[in-house]
N, C-alpha and C. Protein backbone atom coordinates (compact mmCIF):
# COMPACT_ATOMS: atom_id res chain seq x y z
N UNK A 1 0.85 -1.18 0.00
CA UNK A 1 0.00 0.00 0.00
C UNK A 1 0.90 1.24 0.00
N UNK A 2 0.60 2.18 -0.90
CA UNK A 2 1.41 3.39 -0.97
C UNK A 2 1.15 4.28 0.24
N UNK A 3 2.08 5.20 0.49
CA UNK A 3 1.95 6.11 1.63
C UNK A 3 0.69 6.95 1.54
N UNK A 4 0.36 7.44 0.35
CA UNK A 4 -0.82 8.31 0.21
C UNK A 4 -2.11 7.53 0.45
N UNK A 5 -2.15 6.28 0.01
CA UNK A 5 -3.33 5.44 0.26
C UNK A 5 -3.45 5.15 1.75
N UNK A 6 -2.33 4.87 2.38
CA UNK A 6 -2.33 4.59 3.82
C UNK A 6 -2.76 5.83 4.61
N UNK A 7 -2.29 7.00 4.20
CA UNK A 7 -2.68 8.24 4.87
C UNK A 7 -4.17 8.51 4.73
N UNK A 8 -4.72 8.24 3.55
CA UNK A 8 -6.17 8.42 3.35
C UNK A 8 -6.96 7.45 4.22
N UNK A 9 -6.46 6.25 4.37
CA UNK A 9 -7.13 5.25 5.21
C UNK A 9 -7.12 5.69 6.67
N UNK A 10 -5.98 6.21 7.13
CA UNK A 10 -5.88 6.72 8.50
C UNK A 10 -6.86 7.88 8.69
N UNK A 11 -6.91 8.78 7.73
CA UNK A 11 -7.83 9.93 7.81
C UNK A 11 -9.28 9.46 7.83
N UNK A 12 -9.61 8.50 6.99
CA UNK A 12 -10.98 7.98 6.94
C UNK A 12 -11.38 7.37 8.28
N UNK A 13 -10.48 6.61 8.89
CA UNK A 13 -10.77 6.01 10.20
C UNK A 13 -10.93 7.08 11.28
N UNK A 14 -10.14 8.14 11.18
CA UNK A 14 -10.23 9.25 12.11
C UNK A 14 -11.62 9.89 12.03
N UNK A 15 -12.08 10.16 10.80
CA UNK A 15 -13.39 10.77 10.62
C UNK A 15 -14.52 9.82 11.01
N UNK A 16 -14.35 8.54 10.77
CA UNK A 16 -15.36 7.56 11.20
C UNK A 16 -15.52 7.60 12.72
N UNK A 17 -14.40 7.74 13.42
CA UNK A 17 -14.45 7.79 14.88
C UNK A 17 -15.22 9.00 15.37
N UNK A 18 -15.20 10.08 14.60
CA UNK A 18 -15.90 11.31 14.98
C UNK A 18 -17.34 11.36 14.47
N UNK A 19 -17.79 10.29 13.83
CA UNK A 19 -19.09 10.33 13.17
C UNK A 19 -20.27 10.04 14.09
N UNK A 20 -20.06 10.08 15.38
CA UNK A 20 -21.14 9.86 16.34
C UNK A 20 -21.22 11.07 17.27
N UNK A 21 -22.42 11.57 17.50
CA UNK A 21 -22.58 12.78 18.31
C UNK A 21 -22.05 12.61 19.74
N UNK A 22 -22.15 11.41 20.29
CA UNK A 22 -21.63 11.19 21.64
C UNK A 22 -20.11 11.32 21.66
N UNK A 23 -19.45 10.81 20.64
CA UNK A 23 -18.00 10.92 20.60
C UNK A 23 -17.57 12.37 20.39
N UNK A 24 -18.31 13.12 19.61
CA UNK A 24 -18.02 14.56 19.47
C UNK A 24 -18.21 15.27 20.81
N UNK A 25 -19.23 14.89 21.55
CA UNK A 25 -19.47 15.47 22.87
C UNK A 25 -18.28 15.17 23.79
N UNK A 26 -17.79 13.94 23.75
CA UNK A 26 -16.64 13.55 24.58
C UNK A 26 -15.43 14.41 24.23
N UNK A 27 -15.17 14.58 22.94
CA UNK A 27 -14.04 15.41 22.51
C UNK A 27 -14.18 16.83 23.04
N UNK A 28 -15.39 17.38 22.94
CA UNK A 28 -15.63 18.73 23.44
C UNK A 28 -15.38 18.81 24.95
N UNK A 29 -15.82 17.81 25.69
CA UNK A 29 -15.64 17.82 27.14
C UNK A 29 -14.17 17.69 27.52
N UNK A 30 -13.42 16.91 26.75
CA UNK A 30 -12.00 16.73 27.04
C UNK A 30 -11.18 17.96 26.67
N UNK A 31 -11.77 18.88 25.93
CA UNK A 31 -11.04 20.11 25.61
C UNK A 31 -10.79 20.94 26.86
N UNK A 32 -11.59 20.72 27.91
CA UNK A 32 -11.41 21.41 29.18
C UNK A 32 -10.39 20.73 30.09
N UNK A 33 -9.88 19.60 29.68
CA UNK A 33 -8.92 18.85 30.49
C UNK A 33 -9.37 17.41 30.66
N UNK A 34 -8.50 16.63 31.25
CA UNK A 34 -8.79 15.20 31.38
C UNK A 34 -10.00 14.95 32.27
N UNK A 35 -10.66 13.84 31.97
CA UNK A 35 -11.85 13.43 32.72
C UNK A 35 -11.77 11.92 32.95
N UNK A 36 -12.31 11.49 34.08
CA UNK A 36 -12.39 10.05 34.31
C UNK A 36 -13.65 9.52 33.62
N UNK A 37 -13.67 8.23 33.39
CA UNK A 37 -14.81 7.61 32.73
C UNK A 37 -16.09 7.89 33.52
N UNK A 38 -15.98 7.89 34.85
CA UNK A 38 -17.18 8.12 35.67
C UNK A 38 -17.76 9.51 35.43
N UNK A 39 -16.92 10.53 35.27
CA UNK A 39 -17.40 11.89 34.97
C UNK A 39 -18.12 11.93 33.63
N UNK A 40 -17.51 11.32 32.63
CA UNK A 40 -18.11 11.31 31.30
C UNK A 40 -19.42 10.53 31.30
N UNK A 41 -19.47 9.45 32.06
CA UNK A 41 -20.69 8.65 32.16
C UNK A 41 -21.82 9.50 32.72
N UNK A 42 -21.54 10.28 33.75
CA UNK A 42 -22.56 11.16 34.33
C UNK A 42 -23.00 12.23 33.33
N UNK A 43 -22.05 12.81 32.60
CA UNK A 43 -22.37 13.87 31.64
C UNK A 43 -23.23 13.37 30.48
N UNK A 44 -22.93 12.17 30.05
CA UNK A 44 -23.62 11.61 28.88
C UNK A 44 -24.92 10.93 29.28
N UNK A 45 -25.03 10.57 30.55
CA UNK A 45 -26.20 9.84 31.06
C UNK A 45 -26.38 8.52 30.32
N UNK A 46 -25.29 7.78 30.28
CA UNK A 46 -25.28 6.45 29.67
C UNK A 46 -24.53 5.52 30.61
N UNK A 47 -24.68 4.23 30.37
CA UNK A 47 -23.97 3.29 31.24
C UNK A 47 -22.48 3.28 30.90
N UNK A 48 -21.70 2.85 31.85
CA UNK A 48 -20.24 2.90 31.72
C UNK A 48 -19.73 2.09 30.52
N UNK A 49 -20.35 0.97 30.23
CA UNK A 49 -19.89 0.16 29.10
C UNK A 49 -20.07 0.89 27.77
N UNK A 50 -21.15 1.63 27.63
CA UNK A 50 -21.39 2.40 26.40
C UNK A 50 -20.35 3.50 26.26
N UNK A 51 -20.11 4.23 27.33
CA UNK A 51 -19.11 5.31 27.30
C UNK A 51 -17.73 4.73 27.03
N UNK A 52 -17.42 3.61 27.65
CA UNK A 52 -16.12 2.97 27.44
C UNK A 52 -15.93 2.54 25.99
N UNK A 53 -16.99 2.06 25.35
CA UNK A 53 -16.90 1.69 23.93
C UNK A 53 -16.61 2.91 23.06
N UNK A 54 -17.29 4.03 23.35
CA UNK A 54 -17.03 5.26 22.59
C UNK A 54 -15.59 5.72 22.79
N UNK A 55 -15.12 5.66 24.02
CA UNK A 55 -13.74 6.06 24.32
C UNK A 55 -12.74 5.14 23.62
N UNK A 56 -13.04 3.87 23.54
CA UNK A 56 -12.15 2.92 22.86
C UNK A 56 -12.03 3.26 21.38
N UNK A 57 -13.14 3.65 20.75
CA UNK A 57 -13.10 4.04 19.34
C UNK A 57 -12.19 5.25 19.16
N UNK A 58 -12.35 6.25 20.03
CA UNK A 58 -11.53 7.46 19.95
C UNK A 58 -10.06 7.16 20.24
N UNK A 59 -9.81 6.26 21.17
CA UNK A 59 -8.43 5.91 21.53
C UNK A 59 -7.76 5.12 20.40
N UNK A 60 -8.50 4.24 19.76
CA UNK A 60 -7.93 3.40 18.70
C UNK A 60 -7.39 4.20 17.52
N UNK A 61 -7.94 5.39 17.29
CA UNK A 61 -7.46 6.21 16.18
C UNK A 61 -6.55 7.33 16.66
N UNK A 62 -6.27 7.39 17.96
CA UNK A 62 -5.31 8.34 18.49
C UNK A 62 -5.88 9.70 18.87
N UNK A 63 -7.19 9.83 18.95
CA UNK A 63 -7.80 11.11 19.31
C UNK A 63 -7.66 11.36 20.81
N UNK A 64 -7.77 10.32 21.61
CA UNK A 64 -7.63 10.45 23.06
C UNK A 64 -6.58 9.47 23.56
N UNK A 65 -6.09 9.74 24.76
CA UNK A 65 -5.19 8.80 25.43
C UNK A 65 -5.75 8.55 26.82
N UNK A 66 -5.30 7.49 27.44
CA UNK A 66 -5.81 7.15 28.77
C UNK A 66 -4.67 6.91 29.75
N UNK A 67 -5.02 7.07 31.02
CA UNK A 67 -4.06 6.88 32.10
C UNK A 67 -4.84 6.29 33.27
N UNK A 68 -4.40 5.16 33.75
CA UNK A 68 -5.08 4.52 34.87
C UNK A 68 -4.45 4.97 36.18
N UNK A 69 -5.30 5.40 37.10
CA UNK A 69 -4.87 5.79 38.45
C UNK A 69 -5.78 5.08 39.44
N UNK A 70 -5.20 4.13 40.13
CA UNK A 70 -6.01 3.33 41.05
C UNK A 70 -7.05 2.56 40.27
N UNK A 71 -8.30 2.72 40.67
CA UNK A 71 -9.39 2.02 39.99
C UNK A 71 -10.03 2.84 38.88
N UNK A 72 -9.54 4.05 38.67
CA UNK A 72 -10.15 4.92 37.67
C UNK A 72 -9.25 5.10 36.46
N UNK A 73 -9.91 5.28 35.32
CA UNK A 73 -9.19 5.55 34.08
C UNK A 73 -9.55 6.97 33.66
N UNK A 74 -8.51 7.77 33.40
CA UNK A 74 -8.69 9.15 32.98
C UNK A 74 -8.33 9.27 31.51
N UNK A 75 -9.11 10.06 30.79
CA UNK A 75 -8.88 10.27 29.36
C UNK A 75 -8.55 11.73 29.11
N UNK A 76 -7.68 11.95 28.14
CA UNK A 76 -7.33 13.31 27.73
C UNK A 76 -7.26 13.35 26.20
N UNK A 77 -7.38 14.56 25.70
CA UNK A 77 -7.38 14.79 24.26
C UNK A 77 -5.94 14.80 23.75
N UNK A 78 -5.64 13.93 22.79
CA UNK A 78 -4.29 13.87 22.20
C UNK A 78 -4.17 14.78 21.00
N UNK A 79 -5.29 15.13 20.40
CA UNK A 79 -5.28 15.92 19.17
C UNK A 79 -6.12 17.19 19.36
N UNK A 80 -5.59 18.16 20.11
CA UNK A 80 -6.36 19.38 20.35
C UNK A 80 -6.66 20.16 19.06
N UNK A 81 -5.93 19.89 17.98
CA UNK A 81 -6.19 20.56 16.71
C UNK A 81 -7.59 20.23 16.19
N UNK A 82 -8.15 19.17 16.68
CA UNK A 82 -9.50 18.77 16.27
C UNK A 82 -10.53 19.85 16.63
N UNK A 83 -10.28 20.59 17.69
CA UNK A 83 -11.20 21.64 18.12
C UNK A 83 -11.24 22.77 17.09
N UNK A 84 -10.09 23.11 16.52
CA UNK A 84 -10.04 24.12 15.45
C UNK A 84 -10.80 23.64 14.23
N UNK A 85 -10.65 22.37 13.93
CA UNK A 85 -11.36 21.79 12.79
C UNK A 85 -12.87 21.88 13.01
N UNK A 86 -13.33 21.55 14.21
CA UNK A 86 -14.76 21.61 14.50
C UNK A 86 -15.29 23.04 14.38
N UNK A 87 -14.51 24.01 14.86
CA UNK A 87 -14.90 25.41 14.70
C UNK A 87 -14.95 25.79 13.23
N UNK A 88 -14.01 25.29 12.46
CA UNK A 88 -13.94 25.59 11.04
C UNK A 88 -15.19 25.08 10.31
N UNK A 89 -15.65 23.88 10.63
CA UNK A 89 -16.81 23.35 9.91
C UNK A 89 -18.11 23.98 10.39
N UNK A 90 -18.13 24.54 11.59
CA UNK A 90 -19.34 25.22 12.08
C UNK A 90 -19.45 26.65 11.56
N UNK A 91 -18.34 27.27 11.22
CA UNK A 91 -18.33 28.67 10.79
C UNK A 91 -19.26 28.95 9.59
N UNK A 92 -19.23 28.13 8.53
CA UNK A 92 -20.13 28.42 7.39
C UNK A 92 -21.61 28.30 7.76
N UNK A 93 -21.89 27.61 8.83
CA UNK A 93 -23.27 27.43 9.27
C UNK A 93 -23.70 28.53 10.24
N UNK A 94 -22.78 29.47 10.51
CA UNK A 94 -23.07 30.56 11.42
C UNK A 94 -23.06 30.15 12.87
N UNK A 95 -22.37 29.02 13.16
CA UNK A 95 -22.33 28.49 14.53
C UNK A 95 -20.93 28.53 15.10
N UNK A 96 -19.96 29.10 14.39
CA UNK A 96 -18.58 29.06 14.85
C UNK A 96 -18.13 30.28 15.59
């Protein structure tokens, strides 16, 4: 596979990971700093397994990273440039 094809595949997987409103919400929340799974679960009002699945999708493509402390797992945003991208796509809609 050529480099350009591989790069497009990586980009496509990145955008697929962002294609769910809950995952976009998680990214927005992590822009304020790291959060534990329990905090995100409360914010989203979903069970922990659902939130963990969304976080796993984001982590698998490198959007977030995790750190375990004791019994809790904390997530942080690895790609803060994503926030600029989200503002960019909202601007033409008058929402940026």
